[in-house]
Amino acid sequence: MDNPIETYWKIRVGRVKAALEGNNFEVYMVDRSEDARQLILGTLIPGTGAESVSFGGSVTVTSTGIYEAVKQQPQLRVLDTYDRTLSSEAAVERRRQSLLVDLFITGTNAVTESGVLVNLDMIGNRIAALTFGPKHVILVIGRNKITADVEEAMHRIQNYTAPVNAMRLNKKTPCAKTSYCEDCKGADRICNVWMITEKSFPKGRVKIVLVNEDLGF
């Protein structure tokens, strides 16, 4: 076999795709982040008929260029939750407003082999939108987010995803120094709200683009 690693990942990502579809998610699988961007711009957004869009915090969405590309779409009114010029009060209000857009785009912290999404938030706007509010949700998920089960997903999030994000955001948390969760109680804690999503309701409301690349944290 010439490319055993790629074969391995195609099999594994394909298995997760089937599991997610069994849980009522609308799922697409692509090889590269560029393919994901083209799929979202050319097919998924037009298919929703969305007139307004907003975003949940996601390194995957920004690093793939999806965020910048979506902002350039003339037919969309963008509620930009990444706008760093806003005051803290205005930023929170922008996130509240983002729960009522037609389309919400973000990532996920983990997805299990059985097709379950696992997320941990600081404020909760990202997981709130995933649960209810926006008419459509698009998630972009790299293959590195796949875990065997919920327990492994939670361990990965607490001891890798959260510490790395705390470092990225210059948070004054113990995990930013030790690299693992210490269940801190400080004001900078970014781990406040867990959510486990077992099904998409209504069916197809949550659209998932699985990318056969390592993306985000």
N, C-alpha and C. Protein backbone atom coordinates (compact mmCIF):
# COMPACT_ATOMS: atom_id res chain seq x y z
N MET A 1 0.85 -1.20 0.00
CA MET A 1 0.00 0.00 0.00
C MET A 1 0.88 1.25 0.00
N ASP A 2 0.62 2.19 -0.91
CA ASP A 2 1.47 3.36 -1.07
C ASP A 2 1.26 4.41 0.01
N ASN A 3 0.02 4.64 0.41
CA ASN A 3 -0.27 5.72 1.36
C ASN A 3 -1.11 5.19 2.53
N PRO A 4 -0.51 4.41 3.41
CA PRO A 4 -1.28 3.81 4.49
C PRO A 4 -1.88 4.82 5.46
N ILE A 5 -1.17 5.93 5.71
CA ILE A 5 -1.70 6.93 6.65
C ILE A 5 -2.94 7.58 6.08
N GLU A 6 -2.89 7.97 4.80
CA GLU A 6 -4.07 8.58 4.19
C GLU A 6 -5.23 7.59 4.11
N THR A 7 -4.91 6.34 3.82
CA THR A 7 -5.96 5.31 3.78
C THR A 7 -6.60 5.16 5.15
N TYR A 8 -5.76 5.13 6.17
CA TYR A 8 -6.26 5.04 7.55
C TYR A 8 -7.25 6.16 7.84
N TRP A 9 -6.84 7.41 7.54
CA TRP A 9 -7.69 8.54 7.88
C TRP A 9 -8.97 8.58 7.05
N LYS A 10 -8.89 8.20 5.80
CA LYS A 10 -10.11 8.19 4.99
C LYS A 10 -11.12 7.19 5.53
N ILE A 11 -10.62 6.06 5.98
CA ILE A 11 -11.52 5.06 6.58
C ILE A 11 -12.12 5.58 7.87
N ARG A 12 -11.27 6.16 8.71
CA ARG A 12 -11.75 6.63 10.02
C ARG A 12 -12.70 7.80 9.88
N VAL A 13 -12.35 8.79 9.05
CA VAL A 13 -13.24 9.94 8.84
C VAL A 13 -14.55 9.50 8.20
N GLY A 14 -14.47 8.56 7.26
CA GLY A 14 -15.68 8.04 6.63
C GLY A 14 -16.59 7.35 7.62
N ARG A 15 -16.01 6.66 8.59
CA ARG A 15 -16.81 5.99 9.61
C ARG A 15 -17.52 7.01 10.51
N VAL A 16 -16.82 8.09 10.83
CA VAL A 16 -17.43 9.15 11.63
C VAL A 16 -18.55 9.84 10.85
N LYS A 17 -18.33 10.05 9.56
CA LYS A 17 -19.37 10.65 8.71
C LYS A 17 -20.65 9.82 8.77
N ALA A 18 -20.53 8.51 8.63
CA ALA A 18 -21.70 7.64 8.67
C ALA A 18 -22.39 7.71 10.03
N ALA A 19 -21.60 7.77 11.09
CA ALA A 19 -22.19 7.84 12.43
C ALA A 19 -22.93 9.16 12.64
N LEU A 20 -22.35 10.26 12.17
CA LEU A 20 -23.02 11.55 12.30
C LEU A 20 -24.31 11.60 11.49
N GLU A 21 -24.28 11.04 10.30
CA GLU A 21 -25.50 11.00 9.47
C GLU A 21 -26.58 10.19 10.16
N GLY A 22 -26.19 9.14 10.86
CA GLY A 22 -27.15 8.35 11.62
C GLY A 22 -27.76 9.12 12.77
N ASN A 23 -27.08 10.20 13.18
CA ASN A 23 -27.58 11.06 14.25
C ASN A 23 -28.24 12.34 13.71
N ASN A 24 -28.64 12.30 12.45
CA ASN A 24 -29.45 13.36 11.82
C ASN A 24 -28.67 14.63 11.45
N PHE A 25 -27.34 14.56 11.48
CA PHE A 25 -26.55 15.67 10.96
C PHE A 25 -26.42 15.53 9.43
N GLU A 26 -26.31 16.67 8.76
CA GLU A 26 -26.04 16.66 7.32
C GLU A 26 -24.52 16.77 7.16
N VAL A 27 -23.89 15.78 6.57
CA VAL A 27 -22.44 15.67 6.65
C VAL A 27 -21.78 15.61 5.27
N TYR A 28 -20.66 16.32 5.15
CA TYR A 28 -19.85 16.32 3.95
C TYR A 28 -18.41 16.00 4.34
N MET A 29 -17.71 15.30 3.49
CA MET A 29 -16.32 14.96 3.75
C MET A 29 -15.46 15.46 2.62
N VAL A 30 -14.41 16.23 2.95
CA VAL A 30 -13.51 16.77 1.94
C VAL A 30 -12.07 16.49 2.36
N ASP A 31 -11.16 16.58 1.39
CA ASP A 31 -9.77 16.26 1.65
C ASP A 31 -8.97 17.42 2.23
N ARG A 32 -9.32 18.65 1.83
CA ARG A 32 -8.50 19.80 2.21
C ARG A 32 -9.36 20.95 2.71
N SER A 33 -8.74 21.84 3.46
CA SER A 33 -9.47 23.00 3.97
C SER A 33 -9.94 23.90 2.82
N GLU A 34 -9.17 23.95 1.73
CA GLU A 34 -9.60 24.72 0.57
C GLU A 34 -10.90 24.17 0.00
N ASP A 35 -11.02 22.84 -0.01
CA ASP A 35 -12.26 22.21 -0.49
C ASP A 35 -13.42 22.57 0.43
N ALA A 36 -13.15 22.62 1.73
CA ALA A 36 -14.19 22.98 2.69
C ALA A 36 -14.69 24.39 2.45
N ARG A 37 -13.77 25.30 2.21
CA ARG A 37 -14.13 26.69 1.96
C ARG A 37 -14.98 26.81 0.70
N GLN A 38 -14.60 26.14 -0.36
CA GLN A 38 -15.36 26.19 -1.61
C GLN A 38 -16.74 25.57 -1.45
N LEU A 39 -16.82 24.48 -0.69
CA LEU A 39 -18.11 23.83 -0.45
C LEU A 39 -19.04 24.76 0.31
N ILE A 40 -18.52 25.40 1.33
CA ILE A 40 -19.36 26.29 2.14
C ILE A 40 -19.83 27.49 1.33
N LEU A 41 -18.93 28.10 0.58
CA LEU A 41 -19.30 29.30 -0.19
C LEU A 41 -20.19 28.97 -1.38
N GLY A 42 -19.88 27.88 -2.06
CA GLY A 42 -20.57 27.58 -3.31
C GLY A 42 -21.84 26.76 -3.17
N THR A 43 -21.93 25.98 -2.11
CA THR A 43 -23.07 25.06 -1.98
C THR A 43 -23.87 25.25 -0.70
N LEU A 44 -23.19 25.22 0.43
CA LEU A 44 -23.94 25.19 1.70
C LEU A 44 -24.63 26.51 2.01
N ILE A 45 -23.92 27.62 1.89
CA ILE A 45 -24.55 28.91 2.18
C ILE A 45 -25.70 29.19 1.21
N PRO A 46 -25.51 29.05 -0.11
CA PRO A 46 -26.65 29.26 -1.02
C PRO A 46 -27.81 28.32 -0.70
N GLY A 47 -27.51 27.10 -0.30
CA GLY A 47 -28.57 26.14 0.00
C GLY A 47 -29.43 26.52 1.19
N THR A 48 -28.85 27.28 2.13
CA THR A 48 -29.63 27.70 3.30
C THR A 48 -30.52 28.90 3.00
N GLY A 49 -30.15 29.66 1.98
CA GLY A 49 -30.88 30.90 1.71
C GLY A 49 -30.62 31.96 2.76
N ALA A 50 -29.54 31.83 3.50
CA ALA A 50 -29.25 32.74 4.61
C ALA A 50 -29.01 34.17 4.13
N GLU A 51 -29.53 35.12 4.91
CA GLU A 51 -29.28 36.53 4.66
C GLU A 51 -28.39 37.15 5.73
N SER A 52 -28.26 36.46 6.87
CA SER A 52 -27.42 36.95 7.96
C SER A 52 -26.57 35.81 8.49
N VAL A 53 -25.37 36.15 8.96
CA VAL A 53 -24.43 35.13 9.40
C VAL A 53 -23.61 35.65 10.58
N SER A 54 -23.22 34.74 11.46
CA SER A 54 -22.31 35.09 12.53
C SER A 54 -21.43 33.88 12.83
N PHE A 55 -20.53 34.06 13.79
CA PHE A 55 -19.50 33.05 14.02
C PHE A 55 -19.33 32.77 15.51
N GLY A 56 -18.95 31.52 15.80
CA GLY A 56 -18.50 31.17 17.14
C GLY A 56 -16.99 31.06 17.11
N GLY A 57 -16.35 31.32 18.24
CA GLY A 57 -14.90 31.28 18.28
C GLY A 57 -14.36 29.96 17.78
N SER A 58 -13.49 30.00 16.78
CA SER A 58 -12.97 28.78 16.18
C SER A 58 -11.68 29.06 15.43
N VAL A 59 -10.58 28.49 15.90
CA VAL A 59 -9.31 28.62 15.19
C VAL A 59 -9.43 27.97 13.82
N THR A 60 -10.18 26.87 13.73
CA THR A 60 -10.37 26.20 12.45
C THR A 60 -11.00 27.12 11.41
N VAL A 61 -12.05 27.83 11.81
CA VAL A 61 -12.76 28.71 10.87
C VAL A 61 -11.88 29.87 10.41
N THR A 62 -11.07 30.40 11.31
CA THR A 62 -10.21 31.52 10.92
C THR A 62 -8.99 31.04 10.13
N SER A 63 -8.36 29.98 10.56
CA SER A 63 -7.11 29.54 9.92
C SER A 63 -7.32 29.00 8.51
N THR A 64 -8.51 28.51 8.21
CA THR A 64 -8.81 27.99 6.87
C THR A 64 -9.23 29.09 5.89
N GLY A 65 -9.38 30.31 6.38
CA GLY A 65 -9.80 31.41 5.53
C GLY A 65 -11.31 31.49 5.34
N ILE A 66 -12.05 30.61 6.00
CA ILE A 66 -13.50 30.61 5.84
C ILE A 66 -14.12 31.89 6.39
N TYR A 67 -13.64 32.31 7.53
CA TYR A 67 -14.17 33.54 8.15
C TYR A 67 -14.04 34.74 7.22
N GLU A 68 -12.84 34.97 6.70
CA GLU A 68 -12.62 36.12 5.81
C GLU A 68 -13.43 35.98 4.52
N ALA A 69 -13.50 34.77 3.99
CA ALA A 69 -14.24 34.56 2.73
C ALA A 69 -15.73 34.82 2.90
N VAL A 70 -16.29 34.35 4.00
CA VAL A 70 -17.72 34.55 4.26
C VAL A 70 -18.03 36.03 4.44
N LYS A 71 -17.15 36.76 5.09
CA LYS A 71 -17.37 38.19 5.30
C LYS A 71 -17.45 38.96 3.98
N GLN A 72 -16.85 38.41 2.93
CA GLN A 72 -16.84 39.10 1.64
C GLN A 72 -18.07 38.82 0.78
N GLN A 73 -18.96 37.97 1.27
CA GLN A 73 -20.15 37.62 0.49
C GLN A 73 -21.17 38.77 0.53
N PRO A 74 -21.45 39.40 -0.60
CA PRO A 74 -22.28 40.62 -0.60
C PRO A 74 -23.73 40.38 -0.18
N GLN A 75 -24.20 39.16 -0.31
CA GLN A 75 -25.60 38.89 0.02
C GLN A 75 -25.83 38.67 1.51
N LEU A 76 -24.76 38.64 2.29
CA LEU A 76 -24.88 38.31 3.71
C LEU A 76 -24.67 39.54 4.60
N ARG A 77 -25.54 39.69 5.58
CA ARG A 77 -25.32 40.67 6.66
C ARG A 77 -24.52 39.96 7.74
N VAL A 78 -23.34 40.48 8.05
CA VAL A 78 -22.43 39.80 8.95
C VAL A 78 -22.45 40.43 10.34
N LEU A 79 -22.75 39.65 11.34
CA LEU A 79 -22.59 40.07 12.74
C LEU A 79 -21.23 39.53 13.18
N ASP A 80 -20.25 40.40 13.17
CA ASP A 80 -18.87 39.96 13.36
C ASP A 80 -18.52 39.87 14.84
N THR A 81 -18.56 38.67 15.37
CA THR A 81 -18.23 38.45 16.78
C THR A 81 -16.72 38.45 17.02
N TYR A 82 -15.92 38.56 15.94
CA TYR A 82 -14.47 38.62 16.08
C TYR A 82 -13.95 40.05 16.10
N ASP A 83 -14.84 41.02 16.07
CA ASP A 83 -14.45 42.43 16.01
C ASP A 83 -13.79 42.84 17.32
N ARG A 84 -12.48 43.06 17.31
CA ARG A 84 -11.73 43.39 18.52
C ARG A 84 -11.84 44.87 18.89
N THR A 85 -12.52 45.68 18.08
CA THR A 85 -12.67 47.10 18.41
C THR A 85 -13.83 47.34 19.35
N LEU A 86 -14.66 46.32 19.58
CA LEU A 86 -15.83 46.48 20.44
C LEU A 86 -15.43 46.50 21.91
N SER A 87 -16.18 47.25 22.70
CA SER A 87 -16.00 47.20 24.15
C SER A 87 -16.46 45.84 24.65
N SER A 88 -16.11 45.47 25.86
CA SER A 88 -16.52 44.17 26.39
C SER A 88 -18.04 44.05 26.43
N GLU A 89 -18.72 45.15 26.79
CA GLU A 89 -20.18 45.13 26.85
C GLU A 89 -20.78 44.96 25.46
N ALA A 90 -20.22 45.66 24.48
CA ALA A 90 -20.72 45.57 23.10
C ALA A 90 -20.43 44.19 22.52
N ALA A 91 -19.30 43.60 22.88
CA ALA A 91 -18.95 42.28 22.38
C ALA A 91 -19.93 41.23 22.89
N VAL A 92 -20.31 41.32 24.15
CA VAL A 92 -21.30 40.39 24.70
C VAL A 92 -22.64 40.58 24.02
N GLU A 93 -23.04 41.83 23.79
CA GLU A 93 -24.31 42.10 23.12
C GLU A 93 -24.28 41.57 21.68
N ARG A 94 -23.15 41.69 20.99
CA ARG A 94 -23.01 41.16 19.64
C ARG A 94 -23.21 39.64 19.66
N ARG A 95 -22.68 38.99 20.66
CA ARG A 95 -22.84 37.53 20.78
C ARG A 95 -24.29 37.15 21.07
N ARG A 96 -24.97 37.97 21.83
CA ARG A 96 -26.40 37.72 22.07
C ARG A 96 -27.18 37.85 20.76
N GLN A 97 -26.89 38.86 19.99
CA GLN A 97 -27.57 39.07 18.71
C GLN A 97 -27.28 37.94 17.73
N SER A 98 -26.09 37.35 17.84
CA SER A 98 -25.70 36.30 16.91
C SER A 98 -26.54 35.04 17.05
N LEU A 99 -27.28 34.94 18.12
CA LEU A 99 -28.13 33.76 18.32
C LEU A 99 -29.39 33.81 17.45
N LEU A 100 -29.60 34.93 16.78
CA LEU A 100 -30.81 35.08 15.96
C LEU A 100 -30.50 35.22 14.47
N VAL A 101 -29.30 34.91 14.06
CA VAL A 101 -28.98 34.98 12.63
C VAL A 101 -29.52 33.76 11.89
N ASP A 102 -29.50 33.86 10.57
CA ASP A 102 -29.93 32.72 9.75
C ASP A 102 -28.91 31.59 9.77
N LEU A 103 -27.63 31.96 9.85
CA LEU A 103 -26.57 30.96 9.74
C LEU A 103 -25.46 31.26 10.73
N PHE A 104 -25.03 30.24 11.44
CA PHE A 104 -23.95 30.35 12.42
C PHE A 104 -22.86 29.37 12.02
N ILE A 105 -21.62 29.85 11.95
CA ILE A 105 -20.50 29.01 11.52
C ILE A 105 -19.46 28.92 12.63
N THR A 106 -19.06 27.71 12.96
CA THR A 106 -18.06 27.52 14.01
C THR A 106 -17.41 26.14 13.86
N GLY A 107 -16.69 25.72 14.88
CA GLY A 107 -16.08 24.39 14.90
C GLY A 107 -16.58 23.63 16.11
N THR A 108 -15.94 22.53 16.40
CA THR A 108 -16.27 21.75 17.59
C THR A 108 -14.97 21.35 18.28
N ASN A 109 -15.02 21.15 19.59
CA ASN A 109 -13.82 20.73 20.31
C ASN A 109 -13.49 19.27 20.06
N ALA A 110 -14.53 18.45 19.88
CA ALA A 110 -14.30 17.02 19.65
C ALA A 110 -15.54 16.40 19.03
N VAL A 111 -15.32 15.30 18.31
CA VAL A 111 -16.40 14.48 17.78
C VAL A 111 -16.03 13.03 18.01
N THR A 112 -16.97 12.25 18.51
CA THR A 112 -16.67 10.86 18.83
C THR A 112 -16.91 9.94 17.65
N GLU A 113 -16.38 8.74 17.77
CA GLU A 113 -16.57 7.73 16.73
C GLU A 113 -18.05 7.40 16.53
N SER A 114 -18.85 7.61 17.55
CA SER A 114 -20.29 7.33 17.45
C SER A 114 -21.10 8.51 16.95
N GLY A 115 -20.42 9.60 16.56
CA GLY A 115 -21.11 10.74 15.97
C GLY A 115 -21.71 11.70 16.97
N VAL A 116 -21.04 11.89 18.11
CA VAL A 116 -21.49 12.81 19.15
C VAL A 116 -20.52 13.98 19.24
N LEU A 117 -21.04 15.20 19.35
CA LEU A 117 -20.21 16.39 19.47
C LEU A 117 -20.00 16.74 20.94
N VAL A 118 -18.78 17.08 21.29
CA VAL A 118 -18.46 17.45 22.67
C VAL A 118 -17.78 18.81 22.67
N ASN A 119 -18.29 19.75 23.47
CA ASN A 119 -17.76 21.11 23.49
C ASN A 119 -17.71 21.67 24.90
N LEU A 120 -16.76 22.58 25.11
CA LEU A 120 -16.57 23.26 26.39
C LEU A 120 -16.34 24.74 26.10
N ASP A 121 -17.14 25.61 26.73
CA ASP A 121 -17.10 27.04 26.44
C ASP A 121 -16.80 27.87 27.68
N MET A 122 -16.31 29.07 27.44
CA MET A 122 -16.14 30.05 28.51
C MET A 122 -17.45 30.83 28.73
N ILE A 123 -17.93 31.46 27.66
CA ILE A 123 -19.15 32.28 27.76
C ILE A 123 -20.39 31.44 27.50
N GLY A 124 -20.34 30.59 26.49
CA GLY A 124 -21.47 29.74 26.17
C GLY A 124 -22.22 30.13 24.92
N ASN A 125 -21.80 31.22 24.26
CA ASN A 125 -22.54 31.64 23.06
C ASN A 125 -22.40 30.64 21.92
N ARG A 126 -21.23 30.02 21.80
CA ARG A 126 -20.99 29.07 20.71
C ARG A 126 -21.88 27.84 20.87
N ILE A 127 -21.92 27.28 22.06
CA ILE A 127 -22.73 26.09 22.25
C ILE A 127 -24.22 26.42 22.31
N ALA A 128 -24.55 27.66 22.73
CA ALA A 128 -25.95 28.07 22.72
C ALA A 128 -26.47 28.10 21.29
N ALA A 129 -25.67 28.64 20.37
CA ALA A 129 -26.08 28.72 18.97
C ALA A 129 -26.17 27.34 18.34
N LEU A 130 -25.29 26.45 18.73
CA LEU A 130 -25.33 25.09 18.22
C LEU A 130 -26.62 24.40 18.64
N THR A 131 -27.10 24.73 19.84
CA THR A 131 -28.30 24.09 20.38
C THR A 131 -29.58 24.68 19.82
N PHE A 132 -29.67 26.02 19.80
CA PHE A 132 -30.95 26.65 19.44
C PHE A 132 -30.71 28.11 19.07
N GLY A 133 -31.49 28.61 18.14
CA GLY A 133 -31.41 30.03 17.77
C GLY A 133 -31.24 30.20 16.28
N PRO A 134 -30.00 30.16 15.77
CA PRO A 134 -29.81 30.29 14.32
C PRO A 134 -30.56 29.20 13.56
N LYS A 135 -31.08 29.56 12.39
CA LYS A 135 -31.83 28.58 11.61
C LYS A 135 -30.95 27.45 11.10
N HIS A 136 -29.70 27.78 10.78
CA HIS A 136 -28.75 26.79 10.27
C HIS A 136 -27.42 26.95 10.97
N VAL A 137 -26.71 25.85 11.14
CA VAL A 137 -25.38 25.86 11.73
C VAL A 137 -24.45 25.05 10.83
N ILE A 138 -23.27 25.59 10.57
CA ILE A 138 -22.24 24.85 9.84
C ILE A 138 -21.04 24.68 10.76
N LEU A 139 -20.61 23.43 10.93
CA LEU A 139 -19.42 23.12 11.71
C LEU A 139 -18.33 22.63 10.77
N VAL A 140 -17.12 23.13 10.96
CA VAL A 140 -15.97 22.66 10.20
C VAL A 140 -15.08 21.89 11.18
N ILE A 141 -14.80 20.62 10.86
CA ILE A 141 -14.12 19.75 11.82
C ILE A 141 -12.95 19.04 11.16
N GLY A 142 -11.76 19.24 11.70
CA GLY A 142 -10.58 18.53 11.23
C GLY A 142 -10.52 17.13 11.82
N ARG A 143 -9.77 16.25 11.18
CA ARG A 143 -9.71 14.85 11.60
C ARG A 143 -9.08 14.67 12.98
N ASN A 144 -8.27 15.65 13.41
CA ASN A 144 -7.64 15.56 14.73
C ASN A 144 -8.63 15.70 15.88
N LYS A 145 -9.87 16.09 15.59
CA LYS A 145 -10.87 16.24 16.65
C LYS A 145 -11.59 14.92 16.95
N ILE A 146 -11.30 13.88 16.20
CA ILE A 146 -11.98 12.60 16.40
C ILE A 146 -11.44 11.90 17.65
N THR A 147 -12.36 11.43 18.49
CA THR A 147 -12.00 10.67 19.69
C THR A 147 -12.82 9.40 19.75
N ALA A 148 -12.38 8.46 20.55
CA ALA A 148 -13.08 7.18 20.64
C ALA A 148 -14.46 7.32 21.26
N ASP A 149 -14.56 8.14 22.30
CA ASP A 149 -15.83 8.26 23.03
C ASP A 149 -15.87 9.59 23.77
N VAL A 150 -16.95 9.82 24.50
CA VAL A 150 -17.12 11.09 25.22
C VAL A 150 -16.05 11.27 26.29
N GLU A 151 -15.72 10.21 26.99
CA GLU A 151 -14.70 10.31 28.05
C GLU A 151 -13.36 10.77 27.48
N GLU A 152 -12.95 10.18 26.37
CA GLU A 152 -11.70 10.59 25.74
C GLU A 152 -11.79 12.02 25.23
N ALA A 153 -12.96 12.39 24.70
CA ALA A 153 -13.16 13.74 24.20
C ALA A 153 -13.00 14.77 25.32
N MET A 154 -13.61 14.50 26.46
CA MET A 154 -13.53 15.44 27.59
C MET A 154 -12.09 15.53 28.11
N HIS A 155 -11.39 14.43 28.16
CA HIS A 155 -10.00 14.45 28.61
C HIS A 155 -9.15 15.26 27.64
N ARG A 156 -9.36 15.05 26.34
CA ARG A 156 -8.59 15.81 25.33
C ARG A 156 -8.86 17.30 25.46
N ILE A 157 -10.11 17.67 25.62
CA ILE A 157 -10.48 19.08 25.71
C ILE A 157 -9.85 19.73 26.95
N GLN A 158 -9.96 19.05 28.10
CA GLN A 158 -9.45 19.62 29.34
C GLN A 158 -7.93 19.70 29.37
N ASN A 159 -7.26 18.74 28.77
CA ASN A 159 -5.82 18.63 28.94
C ASN A 159 -5.00 18.94 27.69
N TYR A 160 -5.68 19.36 26.63
CA TYR A 160 -4.98 19.83 25.44
C TYR A 160 -5.63 21.09 24.88
N THR A 161 -6.90 20.96 24.46
CA THR A 161 -7.57 22.08 23.80
C THR A 161 -7.62 23.32 24.69
N ALA A 162 -8.09 23.16 25.92
CA ALA A 162 -8.23 24.31 26.82
C ALA A 162 -6.89 24.93 27.20
N PRO A 163 -5.89 24.14 27.59
CA PRO A 163 -4.60 24.77 27.89
C PRO A 163 -3.99 25.52 26.71
N VAL A 164 -4.08 24.93 25.52
CA VAL A 164 -3.53 25.61 24.34
C VAL A 164 -4.28 26.90 24.06
N ASN A 165 -5.60 26.88 24.19
CA ASN A 165 -6.38 28.10 23.99
C ASN A 165 -6.08 29.15 25.05
N ALA A 166 -5.89 28.71 26.29
CA ALA A 166 -5.53 29.65 27.36
C ALA A 166 -4.19 30.32 27.05
N MET A 167 -3.25 29.53 26.53
CA MET A 167 -1.95 30.10 26.14
C MET A 167 -2.13 31.08 24.99
N ARG A 168 -2.94 30.69 23.99
CA ARG A 168 -3.16 31.54 22.82
C ARG A 168 -3.77 32.87 23.21
N LEU A 169 -4.67 32.85 24.18
CA LEU A 169 -5.39 34.05 24.59
C LEU A 169 -4.71 34.79 25.74
N ASN A 170 -3.53 34.30 26.14
CA ASN A 170 -2.79 34.93 27.24
C ASN A 170 -3.59 35.00 28.54
N LYS A 171 -4.32 33.93 28.81
CA LYS A 171 -5.10 33.85 30.03
C LYS A 171 -4.20 33.51 31.22
N LYS A 172 -4.54 34.09 32.37
CA LYS A 172 -3.77 33.82 33.58
C LYS A 172 -4.41 32.65 34.32
N THR A 173 -4.23 31.47 33.77
CA THR A 173 -4.77 30.26 34.36
C THR A 173 -3.64 29.28 34.63
N PRO A 174 -3.81 28.39 35.60
CA PRO A 174 -2.76 27.41 35.89
C PRO A 174 -2.40 26.55 34.67
N CYS A 175 -3.41 26.18 33.87
CA CYS A 175 -3.14 25.29 32.74
C CYS A 175 -2.22 25.94 31.70
N ALA A 176 -2.21 27.27 31.64
CA ALA A 176 -1.33 27.95 30.70
C ALA A 176 0.14 27.79 31.10
N LYS A 177 0.36 27.43 32.36
CA LYS A 177 1.73 27.20 32.84
C LYS A 177 2.07 25.72 32.91
N THR A 178 1.08 24.89 33.29
CA THR A 178 1.37 23.47 33.50
C THR A 178 1.03 22.59 32.32
N SER A 179 0.15 23.07 31.41
CA SER A 179 -0.31 22.38 30.20
C SER A 179 -1.41 21.37 30.46
N TYR A 180 -1.94 21.29 31.68
CA TYR A 180 -3.06 20.38 31.93
C TYR A 180 -4.05 21.04 32.90
N CYS A 181 -5.28 20.55 32.88
CA CYS A 181 -6.36 21.14 33.68
C CYS A 181 -6.10 20.98 35.17
N GLU A 182 -6.33 22.07 35.92
CA GLU A 182 -6.22 22.03 37.37
C GLU A 182 -7.50 22.50 38.03
N ASP A 183 -8.61 22.51 37.26
CA ASP A 183 -9.92 22.90 37.77
C ASP A 183 -9.84 24.22 38.53
N CYS A 184 -9.30 25.23 37.87
CA CYS A 184 -9.05 26.51 38.51
C CYS A 184 -10.34 27.27 38.81
N LYS A 185 -10.23 28.27 39.64
CA LYS A 185 -11.37 29.09 40.03
C LYS A 185 -11.16 30.56 39.71
N GLY A 186 -10.16 30.89 38.92
CA GLY A 186 -9.85 32.27 38.62
C GLY A 186 -10.79 32.92 37.62
N ALA A 187 -10.71 34.23 37.53
CA ALA A 187 -11.58 35.00 36.62
C ALA A 187 -11.29 34.72 35.16
N ASP A 188 -10.09 34.27 34.85
CA ASP A 188 -9.71 34.01 33.47
C ASP A 188 -10.06 32.59 33.01
N ARG A 189 -10.68 31.81 33.87
CA ARG A 189 -11.03 30.43 33.51
C ARG A 189 -11.87 30.42 32.23
N ILE A 190 -11.50 29.58 31.27
CA ILE A 190 -12.25 29.51 30.00
C ILE A 190 -13.12 28.26 29.92
N CYS A 191 -13.11 27.45 30.95
CA CYS A 191 -13.85 26.18 30.95
C CYS A 191 -15.03 26.26 31.90
N ASN A 192 -16.19 26.67 31.39
CA ASN A 192 -17.33 26.90 32.26
C ASN A 192 -18.58 26.09 31.91
N VAL A 193 -18.79 25.80 30.63
CA VAL A 193 -20.05 25.17 30.22
C VAL A 193 -19.77 24.01 29.27
N TRP A 194 -20.14 22.81 29.69
CA TRP A 194 -20.02 21.63 28.83
C TRP A 194 -21.30 21.44 28.02
N MET A 195 -21.17 20.89 26.82
CA MET A 195 -22.34 20.47 26.06
C MET A 195 -22.01 19.23 25.25
N ILE A 196 -22.91 18.26 25.31
CA ILE A 196 -22.81 17.05 24.51
C ILE A 196 -24.01 17.02 23.58
N THR A 197 -23.76 16.99 22.27
CA THR A 197 -24.82 17.00 21.27
C THR A 197 -24.90 15.63 20.62
N GLU A 198 -25.98 14.91 20.90
CA GLU A 198 -26.12 13.55 20.37
C GLU A 198 -26.83 13.50 19.03
N LYS A 199 -27.72 14.47 18.77
CA LYS A 199 -28.49 14.49 17.53
C LYS A 199 -28.65 15.92 17.03
N SER A 200 -28.84 16.05 15.74
CA SER A 200 -29.24 17.34 15.18
C SER A 200 -30.76 17.40 15.17
N PHE A 201 -31.30 18.48 15.73
CA PHE A 201 -32.75 18.67 15.68
C PHE A 201 -33.03 20.12 15.31
N PRO A 202 -33.88 20.32 14.28
CA PRO A 202 -34.43 19.31 13.38
C PRO A 202 -33.33 18.63 12.55
N LYS A 203 -33.70 17.54 11.93
CA LYS A 203 -32.75 16.80 11.10
C LYS A 203 -32.15 17.71 10.03
N GLY A 204 -30.83 17.73 9.94
CA GLY A 204 -30.16 18.52 8.92
C GLY A 204 -29.92 19.98 9.28
N ARG A 205 -30.44 20.43 10.42
CA ARG A 205 -30.18 21.83 10.81
C ARG A 205 -28.69 22.08 10.98
N VAL A 206 -28.00 21.12 11.58
CA VAL A 206 -26.56 21.24 11.76
C VAL A 206 -25.85 20.52 10.62
N LYS A 207 -25.09 21.28 9.87
CA LYS A 207 -24.36 20.75 8.73
C LYS A 207 -22.88 20.66 9.10
N ILE A 208 -22.27 19.54 8.85
CA ILE A 208 -20.90 19.30 9.27
C ILE A 208 -20.01 19.05 8.06
N VAL A 209 -18.89 19.76 8.01
CA VAL A 209 -17.88 19.53 6.98
C VAL A 209 -16.67 18.88 7.66
N LEU A 210 -16.48 17.61 7.41
CA LEU A 210 -15.32 16.88 7.93
C LEU A 210 -14.16 17.04 6.96
N VAL A 211 -13.03 17.48 7.48
CA VAL A 211 -11.86 17.74 6.62
C VAL A 211 -10.77 16.74 6.98
N ASN A 212 -10.24 16.08 5.97
CA ASN A 212 -9.20 15.08 6.20
C ASN A 212 -7.83 15.72 6.36
N GLU A 213 -7.78 16.71 7.28
CA GLU A 213 -6.56 17.40 7.68
C GLU A 213 -6.64 17.70 9.17
N ASP A 214 -5.51 17.93 9.79
CA ASP A 214 -5.50 18.41 11.18
C ASP A 214 -5.77 19.91 11.15
N LEU A 215 -6.83 20.33 11.86
CA LEU A 215 -7.22 21.74 11.89
C LEU A 215 -7.53 22.17 13.31
N GLY A 216 -7.11 23.38 13.65
CA GLY A 216 -7.43 23.91 14.96
C GLY A 216 -6.78 23.12 16.09
N PHE A 217 -7.38 23.28 17.29
CA PHE A 217 -6.85 22.62 18.47
C PHE A 217 -7.74 21.45 18.90
